[in-house]
Amino acid sequence: MAVATPDPRRWKALAVLGVAYLMVVLDVSIVNVALPSIQKDLDFAPENLQWVISGYALTFGGFLLLGGRFGDLLGRRRLFMVGLALFAAFSLLCGLSTSSGMLIAARALQGAAGAILSPSVFSIVSVTFEEGSERNKALGILGAIAGSGAAIGVLMGGVLTEYAGWDWIFFVNVPIGVGALFFVPRLVRESHAEGLERHFDAAGAVTVTASLMLLVYGLTQSPNVGWGSGRTIGVLLGSAVLMAAFLAIELRSRSPLVPLGFFRRRTPAGANLIGLILGTMVFGMFFLLSLYMQQVLGFSALKTGVGYLAVALTAVVASGVAQALVTKAGVKPVLTIGMVLLGGGLTYFSQVSVHGSYVNDLLPGFILIGVGLGFAFVPVSIAALAGVTGRDAGLASGLINTSQQIGGALGLAILTTASTTRTGHLLARGVDQPTALTDGFRLAFWVGVGFAVASVVATLLYLRREELGVPVLEDAAESAPA
């Protein structure tokens, strides 16, 4: 339940939580523009390069729910600080990596630390701010961070890679983490979920993470070994068996990682489905756009990062507008607009050309994507926690983060597989590399458009206005002075 007396330090606490959360969010995308440098320095095989992103996203998404439950039972502030310290330490290890295997392993550990840290951010906010316009405003700020974090990450990645080296995209987390650790005990209240059984479903977390890793591995290796090969079929069957084991564990566990009854509530279930689809679009899109700019247009890492400035600035502004619109018009219409705009941006990118330019082939799409990110992440974050009490705060916040991260890893695998398969076929037919790459990117963006259409349908079908609450103008007026 929310605290009886509003914490006078709650907005300062939100600032510290927001900085730490931004660090975790942008670490998914900050490596995108540095991938060519990482590949060269650490001698990465091309098919393994995407694991620098996928390894992080999968352990992040796979262990988020367990991290949320740890926070509910052991103390949300305590787990936030543990996760923050581990995240800074593993970031240092990433920067010190001397081989591809070491970096992938360090990224996986970094993702697991993020899984401890991240759910505590949302659950602390949900019990610190009263439900209504004030909590919506706080969640809207976190949604803005999530929406703009991917774009800010690629911008920072370009600048740091160009002037300091790729290792600094990881080293930069260390002073940020240390600074946040100094302020957290001074500004953030401790909280627990009362009445929960002291049991941790580690088996569920391990099986679902292993299942997703096998699925992503099978998808990404299929262009090299073939869809009908025994290796691909065996890996995908292994993934299915582990997922079935995960569901069996959840049905029989005294304290399941994912209480399946939670999804009987249509709006939270719908919000997580939409979050999953949202992740599939965003992760793969930024990964492929970074490759297009560097491999086809010949941009440097710095120019690629600066190119994303249009997305970052637009997303920040759009997130503020979206928060205000949600208070006045509600979650559903704002989220629908956001998904339509994301689909429009992906449709625009499906027309990129071999001899393209930033202004003609990228900028209009970046503006559409920036507005769409703000209008999508803010309301979906609010919808996922609509009506959630303090008891379920860790579960609900962990679920929406899990959905986005798992969707991102799967989307990255699906879009990359579509692109590389198409490119490989064209290269085998003697098509020149820039043309083959561009055609592969176009196909992948069309796949992204399909996900965008699915997200609009899910928004219209699954989100219920009565469960989200009907916004009133008085709420907006009361929050205006703040």
Protein backbone atom coordinates (compact mmCIF):
# COMPACT_ATOMS: atom_id res chain seq x y z
CA MET A 1 0.00 0.00 0.00
CA ALA A 2 1.07 3.60 -0.51
CA VAL A 3 2.60 5.35 2.48
CA ALA A 4 0.14 7.27 4.66
CA THR A 5 2.17 10.47 4.72
CA PRO A 6 3.77 11.67 1.46
CA ASP A 7 7.55 11.59 1.67
CA PRO A 8 8.79 15.21 1.49
CA ARG A 9 11.94 13.98 -0.26
CA ARG A 10 10.06 11.93 -2.85
CA TRP A 11 10.92 14.11 -5.87
CA LYS A 12 14.62 14.21 -4.96
CA ALA A 13 14.47 10.43 -4.50
CA LEU A 14 12.88 10.13 -7.94
CA ALA A 15 15.76 12.12 -9.43
CA VAL A 16 18.35 9.68 -8.02
CA LEU A 17 16.29 6.66 -9.05
CA GLY A 18 15.84 8.12 -12.52
CA VAL A 19 19.57 8.62 -13.06
CA ALA A 20 20.30 5.02 -12.07
CA TYR A 21 17.44 3.73 -14.22
CA LEU A 22 18.68 5.72 -17.22
CA MET A 23 22.11 4.10 -16.78
CA VAL A 24 20.51 0.65 -17.01
CA VAL A 25 18.20 1.50 -19.92
CA LEU A 26 20.80 3.10 -22.16
CA ASP A 27 23.28 0.27 -21.60
CA VAL A 28 21.22 -1.79 -24.03
CA SER A 29 21.70 0.63 -26.91
CA ILE A 30 24.91 2.46 -26.00
CA VAL A 31 26.96 -0.37 -27.52
CA ASN A 32 25.26 -0.20 -30.94
CA VAL A 33 27.51 2.35 -32.60
CA ALA A 34 30.59 0.88 -30.90
CA LEU A 35 30.05 -2.62 -32.31
CA PRO A 36 32.45 -2.25 -35.28
CA SER A 37 35.23 -1.08 -32.93
CA ILE A 38 34.48 -3.88 -30.46
CA GLN A 39 34.45 -6.43 -33.28
CA LYS A 40 37.84 -5.28 -34.52
CA ASP A 41 39.57 -5.01 -31.14
CA LEU A 42 38.28 -8.26 -29.64
CA ASP A 43 38.18 -10.29 -32.90
CA PHE A 44 34.44 -11.04 -32.75
CA ALA A 45 32.93 -13.46 -35.25
CA PRO A 46 30.16 -11.59 -37.14
CA GLU A 47 27.40 -14.00 -36.03
CA ASN A 48 28.38 -13.57 -32.36
CA LEU A 49 28.48 -9.77 -32.32
CA GLN A 50 24.81 -9.32 -31.50
CA TRP A 51 25.34 -11.28 -28.25
CA VAL A 52 26.95 -8.14 -26.82
CA ILE A 53 23.38 -6.80 -26.79
CA SER A 54 21.36 -10.02 -26.51
CA GLY A 55 23.42 -11.42 -23.63
CA TYR A 56 22.65 -8.31 -21.60
CA ALA A 57 18.97 -8.14 -22.55
CA LEU A 58 18.24 -11.81 -21.86
CA THR A 59 19.73 -11.99 -18.37
CA PHE A 60 18.20 -8.60 -17.64
CA GLY A 61 14.74 -9.73 -18.74
CA GLY A 62 15.04 -13.28 -17.42
CA PHE A 63 15.94 -12.32 -13.84
CA LEU A 64 13.87 -9.15 -13.47
CA LEU A 65 10.94 -10.93 -11.81
CA LEU A 66 13.22 -12.66 -9.33
CA GLY A 67 14.85 -9.30 -8.64
CA GLY A 68 11.44 -7.75 -8.03
CA ARG A 69 10.52 -10.47 -5.54
CA PHE A 70 13.86 -10.15 -3.75
CA GLY A 71 13.13 -6.44 -3.38
CA ASP A 72 9.58 -6.98 -2.08
CA LEU A 73 10.77 -9.42 0.59
CA LEU A 74 14.24 -8.21 1.55
CA GLY A 75 13.77 -4.47 1.13
CA ARG A 76 13.48 -2.48 -2.08
CA ARG A 77 16.05 0.16 -1.19
CA ARG A 78 18.50 -2.49 -0.02
CA LEU A 79 18.19 -4.49 -3.27
CA PHE A 80 18.41 -1.31 -5.34
CA MET A 81 21.74 -0.49 -3.70
CA VAL A 82 23.05 -4.06 -4.13
CA GLY A 83 22.08 -4.05 -7.80
CA LEU A 84 23.60 -0.62 -8.32
CA ALA A 85 26.93 -1.67 -6.80
CA LEU A 86 27.06 -4.88 -8.86
CA PHE A 87 26.11 -3.03 -12.03
CA ALA A 88 28.99 -0.59 -11.59
CA ALA A 89 31.42 -3.45 -10.84
CA PHE A 90 30.40 -5.51 -13.89
CA SER A 91 30.49 -2.39 -16.08
CA LEU A 92 34.12 -2.02 -15.06
CA LEU A 93 34.69 -5.68 -15.99
CA CYS A 94 33.11 -5.09 -19.42
CA GLY A 95 35.48 -2.21 -20.12
CA LEU A 96 38.47 -4.31 -19.08
CA SER A 97 37.50 -7.27 -21.33
CA THR A 98 40.29 -8.65 -23.50
CA SER A 99 38.34 -11.27 -25.50
CA SER A 100 34.91 -11.74 -27.05
CA GLY A 101 33.98 -14.46 -24.57
CA MET A 102 34.97 -12.31 -21.60
CA LEU A 103 32.87 -9.38 -22.84
CA ILE A 104 29.78 -11.51 -23.51
CA ALA A 105 30.08 -13.09 -20.04
CA ALA A 106 30.56 -9.68 -18.39
CA ARG A 107 27.56 -8.29 -20.30
CA ALA A 108 25.42 -11.20 -19.08
CA LEU A 109 26.47 -10.48 -15.48
CA GLN A 110 25.80 -6.79 -16.03
CA GLY A 111 22.30 -7.62 -17.24
CA ALA A 112 21.65 -9.76 -14.15
CA ALA A 113 22.73 -6.85 -11.93
CA GLY A 114 20.36 -4.58 -13.84
CA ALA A 115 17.61 -7.11 -13.10
CA ILE A 116 18.19 -6.60 -9.38
CA LEU A 117 18.27 -2.82 -9.68
CA SER A 118 15.53 -2.00 -12.18
CA PRO A 119 12.32 -3.43 -10.63
CA SER A 120 13.13 -1.75 -7.34
CA VAL A 121 13.00 1.62 -9.13
CA PHE A 122 9.38 1.18 -10.18
CA SER A 123 8.22 -0.50 -6.97
CA ILE A 124 9.81 2.23 -4.82
CA VAL A 125 8.01 4.86 -6.92
CA SER A 126 4.69 2.99 -6.74
CA VAL A 127 4.74 2.93 -2.91
CA THR A 128 6.23 6.43 -2.50
CA PHE A 129 3.68 8.30 -4.64
CA GLU A 130 -0.10 8.13 -4.15
CA GLU A 131 -2.02 6.51 -7.01
CA GLY A 132 -3.51 9.14 -9.28
CA SER A 133 -2.10 12.18 -11.04
CA GLU A 134 1.05 12.38 -8.85
CA ARG A 135 2.02 8.75 -9.34
CA ASN A 136 1.20 9.07 -13.05
CA LYS A 137 3.55 12.04 -13.24
CA ALA A 138 6.35 10.10 -11.53
CA LEU A 139 5.78 7.03 -13.72
CA GLY A 140 5.58 9.33 -16.72
CA ILE A 141 9.09 10.59 -15.93
CA LEU A 142 10.37 7.00 -15.77
CA GLY A 143 8.51 6.26 -19.00
CA ALA A 144 10.22 9.26 -20.59
CA ILE A 145 13.58 7.86 -19.49
CA ALA A 146 12.70 4.47 -20.99
CA GLY A 147 11.46 6.06 -24.20
CA SER A 148 14.46 8.30 -24.75
CA GLY A 149 17.10 6.02 -23.20
CA ALA A 150 17.70 4.02 -26.37
CA ALA A 151 18.31 7.14 -28.44
CA ILE A 152 20.44 8.81 -25.75
CA GLY A 153 22.47 5.59 -25.52
CA VAL A 154 23.45 5.53 -29.18
CA LEU A 155 24.31 9.25 -29.04
CA MET A 156 26.58 8.76 -26.01
CA GLY A 157 28.03 5.62 -27.55
CA GLY A 158 29.11 7.52 -30.65
CA VAL A 159 30.75 10.34 -28.72
CA LEU A 160 32.56 8.08 -26.24
CA THR A 161 33.73 5.62 -28.91
CA GLU A 162 35.11 8.40 -31.10
CA TYR A 163 36.95 10.38 -28.43
CA ALA A 164 37.67 7.95 -25.56
CA GLY A 165 37.40 4.40 -26.95
CA TRP A 166 34.65 1.76 -26.78
CA ASP A 167 35.67 0.68 -23.27
CA TRP A 168 34.46 4.03 -21.91
CA ILE A 169 30.86 3.24 -22.80
CA PHE A 170 31.16 0.87 -19.82
CA PHE A 171 33.58 2.80 -17.60
CA VAL A 172 31.21 5.79 -17.50
CA ASN A 173 28.78 3.76 -15.37
CA VAL A 174 31.25 3.51 -12.48
CA PRO A 175 31.21 7.16 -11.29
CA ILE A 176 27.46 7.39 -11.93
CA GLY A 177 26.85 4.30 -9.81
CA VAL A 178 29.10 5.48 -6.98
CA GLY A 179 27.42 8.89 -6.94
CA ALA A 180 23.93 7.36 -6.82
CA LEU A 181 24.98 5.02 -4.00
CA PHE A 182 25.97 8.06 -1.95
CA PHE A 183 22.54 9.72 -2.23
CA VAL A 184 20.18 6.71 -2.04
CA PRO A 185 20.32 6.09 1.74
CA ARG A 186 19.84 9.84 2.33
CA LEU A 187 16.80 10.29 0.11
CA VAL A 188 15.00 6.97 -0.41
CA ARG A 189 12.82 5.28 2.21
CA GLU A 190 13.02 1.53 2.78
CA SER A 191 9.87 -0.49 2.04
CA HIS A 192 8.77 -4.13 1.97
CA ALA A 193 5.72 -6.08 0.81
CA GLU A 194 3.97 -7.46 3.88
CA GLY A 195 2.49 -10.94 4.16
CA LEU A 196 4.44 -12.65 1.36
CA GLU A 197 5.89 -16.12 1.85
CA ARG A 198 9.68 -16.03 2.08
CA HIS A 199 10.36 -18.20 -0.94
CA PHE A 200 12.35 -17.44 -4.09
CA ASP A 201 11.57 -19.16 -7.37
CA ALA A 202 15.14 -19.36 -8.67
CA ALA A 203 14.31 -22.48 -10.72
CA GLY A 204 11.70 -20.50 -12.65
CA ALA A 205 14.13 -17.68 -13.38
CA VAL A 206 16.85 -20.05 -14.59
CA THR A 207 14.57 -22.14 -16.83
CA VAL A 208 12.87 -19.19 -18.53
CA THR A 209 16.20 -17.41 -19.12
CA ALA A 210 17.81 -20.56 -20.52
CA SER A 211 14.78 -21.15 -22.75
CA LEU A 212 14.97 -17.64 -24.20
CA MET A 213 18.73 -17.86 -24.71
CA LEU A 214 18.31 -21.07 -26.69
CA LEU A 215 15.50 -19.51 -28.72
CA VAL A 216 17.59 -16.46 -29.62
CA TYR A 217 20.61 -18.66 -30.36
CA GLY A 218 18.54 -20.87 -32.65
CA LEU A 219 17.11 -17.88 -34.53
CA THR A 220 20.46 -16.15 -35.02
CA GLN A 221 22.36 -19.29 -36.08
CA SER A 222 19.73 -20.49 -38.54
CA PRO A 223 20.99 -18.37 -41.49
CA ASN A 224 24.40 -20.07 -41.18
CA VAL A 225 23.41 -23.70 -40.51
CA GLY A 226 19.92 -23.76 -42.09
CA TRP A 227 16.42 -23.88 -40.62
CA GLY A 228 16.08 -27.59 -41.32
CA SER A 229 19.41 -28.61 -39.81
CA GLY A 230 19.51 -30.88 -36.80
CA ARG A 231 21.34 -28.22 -34.86
CA THR A 232 18.65 -25.58 -35.35
CA ILE A 233 15.78 -27.98 -34.70
CA GLY A 234 17.48 -29.37 -31.60
CA VAL A 235 18.14 -25.93 -30.13
CA LEU A 236 14.55 -24.77 -30.75
CA LEU A 237 13.15 -27.99 -29.27
CA GLY A 238 15.36 -27.50 -26.23
CA SER A 239 13.97 -23.99 -25.85
CA ALA A 240 10.40 -25.31 -26.03
CA VAL A 241 11.10 -28.03 -23.44
CA LEU A 242 12.62 -25.49 -21.03
CA MET A 243 9.65 -23.14 -21.51
CA ALA A 244 7.26 -26.01 -20.75
CA ALA A 245 9.31 -26.79 -17.65
CA PHE A 246 9.08 -23.14 -16.61
CA LEU A 247 5.27 -23.18 -16.90
CA ALA A 248 5.10 -26.43 -14.92
CA ILE A 249 7.29 -24.93 -12.19
CA GLU A 250 5.08 -21.84 -11.99
CA LEU A 251 1.89 -23.90 -11.70
CA ARG A 252 3.30 -26.03 -8.86
CA SER A 253 5.37 -23.47 -6.96
CA ARG A 254 4.18 -22.18 -3.58
CA SER A 255 5.44 -18.71 -4.51
CA PRO A 256 5.75 -18.66 -8.31
CA LEU A 257 7.94 -16.19 -10.11
CA VAL A 258 4.98 -15.38 -12.39
CA PRO A 259 1.61 -16.05 -10.72
CA LEU A 260 -0.37 -16.95 -13.83
CA GLY A 261 -3.54 -15.63 -12.18
CA PHE A 262 -2.09 -12.11 -12.50
CA PHE A 263 -2.88 -12.26 -16.21
CA ARG A 264 -6.61 -12.71 -15.55
CA ARG A 265 -6.71 -8.93 -15.27
CA ARG A 266 -7.05 -7.88 -18.85
CA THR A 267 -5.37 -4.47 -18.71
CA PRO A 268 -2.09 -5.50 -17.00
CA ALA A 269 -1.91 -8.56 -19.27
CA GLY A 270 -2.52 -6.35 -22.31
CA ALA A 271 0.06 -3.80 -21.17
CA ASN A 272 2.70 -6.55 -20.92
CA LEU A 273 1.84 -7.91 -24.36
CA ILE A 274 2.12 -4.40 -25.80
CA GLY A 275 5.41 -3.87 -23.93
CA LEU A 276 6.74 -7.11 -25.45
CA ILE A 277 5.84 -5.98 -28.98
CA LEU A 278 7.24 -2.50 -28.27
CA GLY A 279 10.58 -4.04 -27.35
CA THR A 280 10.67 -6.11 -30.55
CA MET A 281 10.43 -2.95 -32.61
CA VAL A 282 12.83 -0.67 -30.73
CA PHE A 283 15.84 -2.94 -30.11
CA GLY A 284 16.04 -4.35 -33.62
CA MET A 285 15.33 -0.99 -35.24
CA PHE A 286 18.21 0.84 -33.54
CA PHE A 287 20.60 -2.06 -34.15
CA LEU A 288 19.85 -2.18 -37.88
CA LEU A 289 19.80 1.60 -38.33
CA SER A 290 23.26 1.81 -36.76
CA LEU A 291 24.55 -0.82 -39.18
CA TYR A 292 22.89 0.92 -42.14
CA MET A 293 24.49 4.24 -41.29
CA GLN A 294 27.98 2.77 -40.84
CA GLN A 295 28.06 -0.10 -43.33
CA VAL A 296 26.05 1.47 -46.17
CA LEU A 297 26.22 5.25 -45.76
CA GLY A 298 29.79 5.15 -44.40
CA PHE A 299 29.12 7.19 -41.24
CA SER A 300 31.70 7.23 -38.45
CA ALA A 301 30.73 6.19 -34.92
CA LEU A 302 30.49 9.86 -33.92
CA LYS A 303 28.38 10.84 -36.91
CA THR A 304 26.10 7.86 -36.30
CA GLY A 305 25.64 8.83 -32.65
CA VAL A 306 24.99 12.48 -33.46
CA GLY A 307 22.51 11.34 -36.10
CA TYR A 308 20.32 9.99 -33.32
CA LEU A 309 20.11 13.39 -31.64
CA ALA A 310 16.87 14.05 -33.54
CA VAL A 311 15.32 10.96 -31.94
CA ALA A 312 16.59 11.77 -28.45
CA LEU A 313 15.37 15.36 -28.38
CA THR A 314 12.04 14.52 -29.97
CA ALA A 315 11.44 11.64 -27.55
CA VAL A 316 12.16 13.80 -24.49
CA VAL A 317 9.74 16.52 -25.61
CA ALA A 318 7.11 14.00 -26.71
CA SER A 319 7.31 12.17 -23.36
CA GLY A 320 6.42 15.35 -21.49
CA VAL A 321 3.51 16.00 -23.84
CA ALA A 322 2.37 12.38 -23.52
CA GLN A 323 2.33 12.55 -19.71
CA ALA A 324 0.05 15.59 -19.84
CA LEU A 325 -2.20 13.99 -22.46
CA VAL A 326 -2.53 10.78 -20.44
CA THR A 327 -3.79 12.80 -17.46
CA LYS A 328 -6.40 14.53 -19.61
CA ALA A 329 -7.36 11.99 -22.27
CA GLY A 330 -6.34 8.63 -20.79
CA VAL A 331 -3.81 5.91 -21.54
CA LYS A 332 -5.50 4.14 -24.45
CA PRO A 333 -5.71 6.96 -27.04
CA VAL A 334 -2.17 8.21 -26.32
CA LEU A 335 -0.71 4.69 -26.55
CA THR A 336 -2.58 4.03 -29.80
CA ILE A 337 -1.15 7.19 -31.34
CA GLY A 338 2.34 6.22 -30.20
CA MET A 339 2.17 2.79 -31.80
CA VAL A 340 0.80 4.21 -35.05
CA LEU A 341 3.68 6.70 -35.19
CA LEU A 342 6.25 3.96 -34.54
CA GLY A 343 4.72 1.97 -37.37
CA GLY A 344 4.91 5.05 -39.59
CA GLY A 345 8.60 5.51 -38.79
CA LEU A 346 9.39 1.88 -39.57
CA THR A 347 7.46 2.16 -42.84
CA TYR A 348 9.55 5.19 -43.76
CA PHE A 349 12.78 3.30 -42.99
CA SER A 350 11.66 0.42 -45.22
CA GLN A 351 12.38 2.78 -48.16
CA VAL A 352 16.06 3.45 -47.34
CA SER A 353 18.36 3.50 -50.36
CA VAL A 354 21.95 2.50 -51.09
CA HIS A 355 23.00 6.04 -51.99
CA GLY A 356 20.80 7.67 -49.38
CA SER A 357 21.34 10.71 -47.21
CA TYR A 358 20.58 11.56 -43.61
CA VAL A 359 18.05 14.29 -44.45
CA ASN A 360 16.08 12.29 -47.01
CA ASP A 361 16.32 8.70 -45.76
CA LEU A 362 16.56 9.06 -41.98
CA LEU A 363 15.53 12.40 -40.45
CA PRO A 364 11.74 12.27 -41.12
CA GLY A 365 11.62 8.71 -39.81
CA PHE A 366 13.65 9.68 -36.74
CA ILE A 367 11.13 12.41 -35.88
CA LEU A 368 8.22 9.97 -36.22
CA ILE A 369 10.04 7.42 -34.07
CA GLY A 370 10.95 10.01 -31.42
CA VAL A 371 7.36 11.13 -30.98
CA GLY A 372 6.18 7.52 -31.08
CA LEU A 373 8.63 6.47 -28.36
CA GLY A 374 7.40 9.17 -26.00
CA PHE A 375 3.75 8.42 -26.72
CA ALA A 376 4.28 4.67 -26.27
CA PHE A 377 6.59 4.17 -23.27
CA VAL A 378 4.86 6.67 -20.97
CA PRO A 379 1.31 5.24 -21.16
CA VAL A 380 2.36 1.59 -21.28
CA SER A 381 4.35 2.08 -18.05
CA ILE A 382 1.28 3.62 -16.40
CA ALA A 383 -1.08 0.92 -17.71
CA ALA A 384 1.15 -1.87 -16.40
CA LEU A 385 0.83 -0.55 -12.83
CA ALA A 386 -2.82 0.61 -12.95
CA GLY A 387 -4.56 -0.42 -9.74
CA VAL A 388 -1.46 -2.19 -8.38
CA THR A 389 -1.02 -2.18 -4.60
CA GLY A 390 2.24 -2.18 -2.69
CA ARG A 391 2.00 -5.98 -2.32
CA ASP A 392 2.20 -6.51 -6.09
CA ALA A 393 4.42 -3.55 -6.97
CA GLY A 394 7.57 -5.61 -7.49
CA LEU A 395 5.74 -8.20 -9.59
CA ALA A 396 4.01 -5.63 -11.82
CA SER A 397 7.09 -3.49 -12.37
CA GLY A 398 9.22 -6.56 -13.01
CA LEU A 399 6.73 -7.90 -15.53
CA ILE A 400 6.60 -4.79 -17.71
CA ASN A 401 10.39 -4.49 -17.71
CA THR A 402 10.71 -8.21 -18.44
CA SER A 403 8.27 -7.94 -21.33
CA GLN A 404 10.19 -5.07 -22.91
CA GLN A 405 13.62 -6.68 -22.49
CA ILE A 406 12.55 -10.13 -23.69
CA GLY A 407 10.68 -8.55 -26.57
CA GLY A 408 13.82 -6.58 -27.39
CA ALA A 409 16.04 -9.67 -27.44
CA LEU A 410 13.55 -11.63 -29.54
CA GLY A 411 12.94 -8.70 -31.87
CA LEU A 412 16.67 -8.19 -32.34
CA ALA A 413 17.02 -11.86 -33.24
CA ILE A 414 14.00 -11.90 -35.57
CA LEU A 415 14.82 -8.68 -37.43
CA THR A 416 18.52 -9.53 -37.66
CA THR A 417 17.72 -13.01 -38.95
CA ALA A 418 15.36 -11.60 -41.60
CA SER A 419 17.98 -9.07 -42.67
CA THR A 420 20.98 -11.42 -42.78
CA THR A 421 19.02 -14.17 -44.55
CA ARG A 422 17.90 -11.78 -47.28
CA THR A 423 21.37 -10.28 -47.59
CA GLY A 424 23.00 -13.71 -47.78
CA HIS A 425 20.69 -14.82 -50.59
CA LEU A 426 21.45 -11.69 -52.61
CA LEU A 427 25.20 -11.98 -52.09
CA ALA A 428 25.05 -15.60 -53.28
CA ARG A 429 23.42 -14.34 -56.48
CA GLY A 430 26.25 -11.89 -57.09
CA VAL A 431 24.60 -8.68 -55.87
CA ASP A 432 27.04 -6.10 -54.54
CA GLN A 433 27.33 -5.84 -50.76
CA PRO A 434 25.84 -2.35 -50.18
CA THR A 435 22.77 -3.23 -52.23
CA ALA A 436 22.39 -6.62 -50.53
CA LEU A 437 22.73 -5.07 -47.07
CA THR A 438 20.20 -2.33 -47.86
CA ASP A 439 17.66 -4.81 -49.20
CA GLY A 440 18.06 -6.92 -46.08
CA PHE A 441 17.50 -3.89 -43.85
CA ARG A 442 14.36 -2.98 -45.81
CA LEU A 443 12.89 -6.43 -45.29
CA ALA A 444 13.64 -6.30 -41.57
CA PHE A 445 11.92 -2.91 -41.24
CA TRP A 446 8.83 -4.33 -42.94
CA VAL A 447 8.83 -7.11 -40.34
CA GLY A 448 8.93 -4.32 -37.73
CA VAL A 449 5.90 -2.71 -39.38
CA GLY A 450 4.05 -5.98 -38.86
CA PHE A 451 4.85 -5.84 -35.15
CA ALA A 452 3.59 -2.24 -35.04
CA VAL A 453 0.25 -3.28 -36.54
CA ALA A 454 -0.02 -6.06 -33.96
CA SER A 455 0.67 -3.54 -31.17
CA VAL A 456 -2.15 -1.25 -32.32
CA VAL A 457 -4.58 -4.18 -32.42
CA ALA A 458 -3.50 -5.30 -28.94
CA THR A 459 -3.94 -1.77 -27.56
CA LEU A 460 -7.48 -1.50 -28.92
CA LEU A 461 -8.51 -4.99 -27.80
CA TYR A 462 -6.89 -5.47 -24.39
CA LEU A 463 -6.78 -2.14 -22.55
CA ARG A 464 -9.99 -1.42 -20.65
CA ARG A 465 -10.85 2.17 -19.90
CA GLU A 466 -12.63 1.25 -16.64
CA GLU A 467 -9.52 -0.54 -15.30
CA LEU A 468 -7.24 2.34 -16.27
CA GLY A 469 -9.46 4.91 -14.60
CA VAL A 470 -11.18 7.82 -16.33
CA PRO A 471 -9.06 10.97 -16.06
CA VAL A 472 -10.79 14.14 -14.89
CA LEU A 473 -9.81 17.74 -15.42
CA GLU A 474 -9.70 18.37 -11.66
CA ASP A 475 -6.79 15.93 -11.35
CA ALA A 476 -4.85 17.84 -13.94
CA ALA A 477 -5.65 21.15 -12.22
CA GLU A 478 -4.55 19.85 -8.84
CA SER A 479 -1.22 18.70 -10.24
CA ALA A 480 -0.56 21.92 -12.17
CA PRO A 481 1.35 23.74 -9.37
CA ALA A 482 3.75 20.78 -9.02
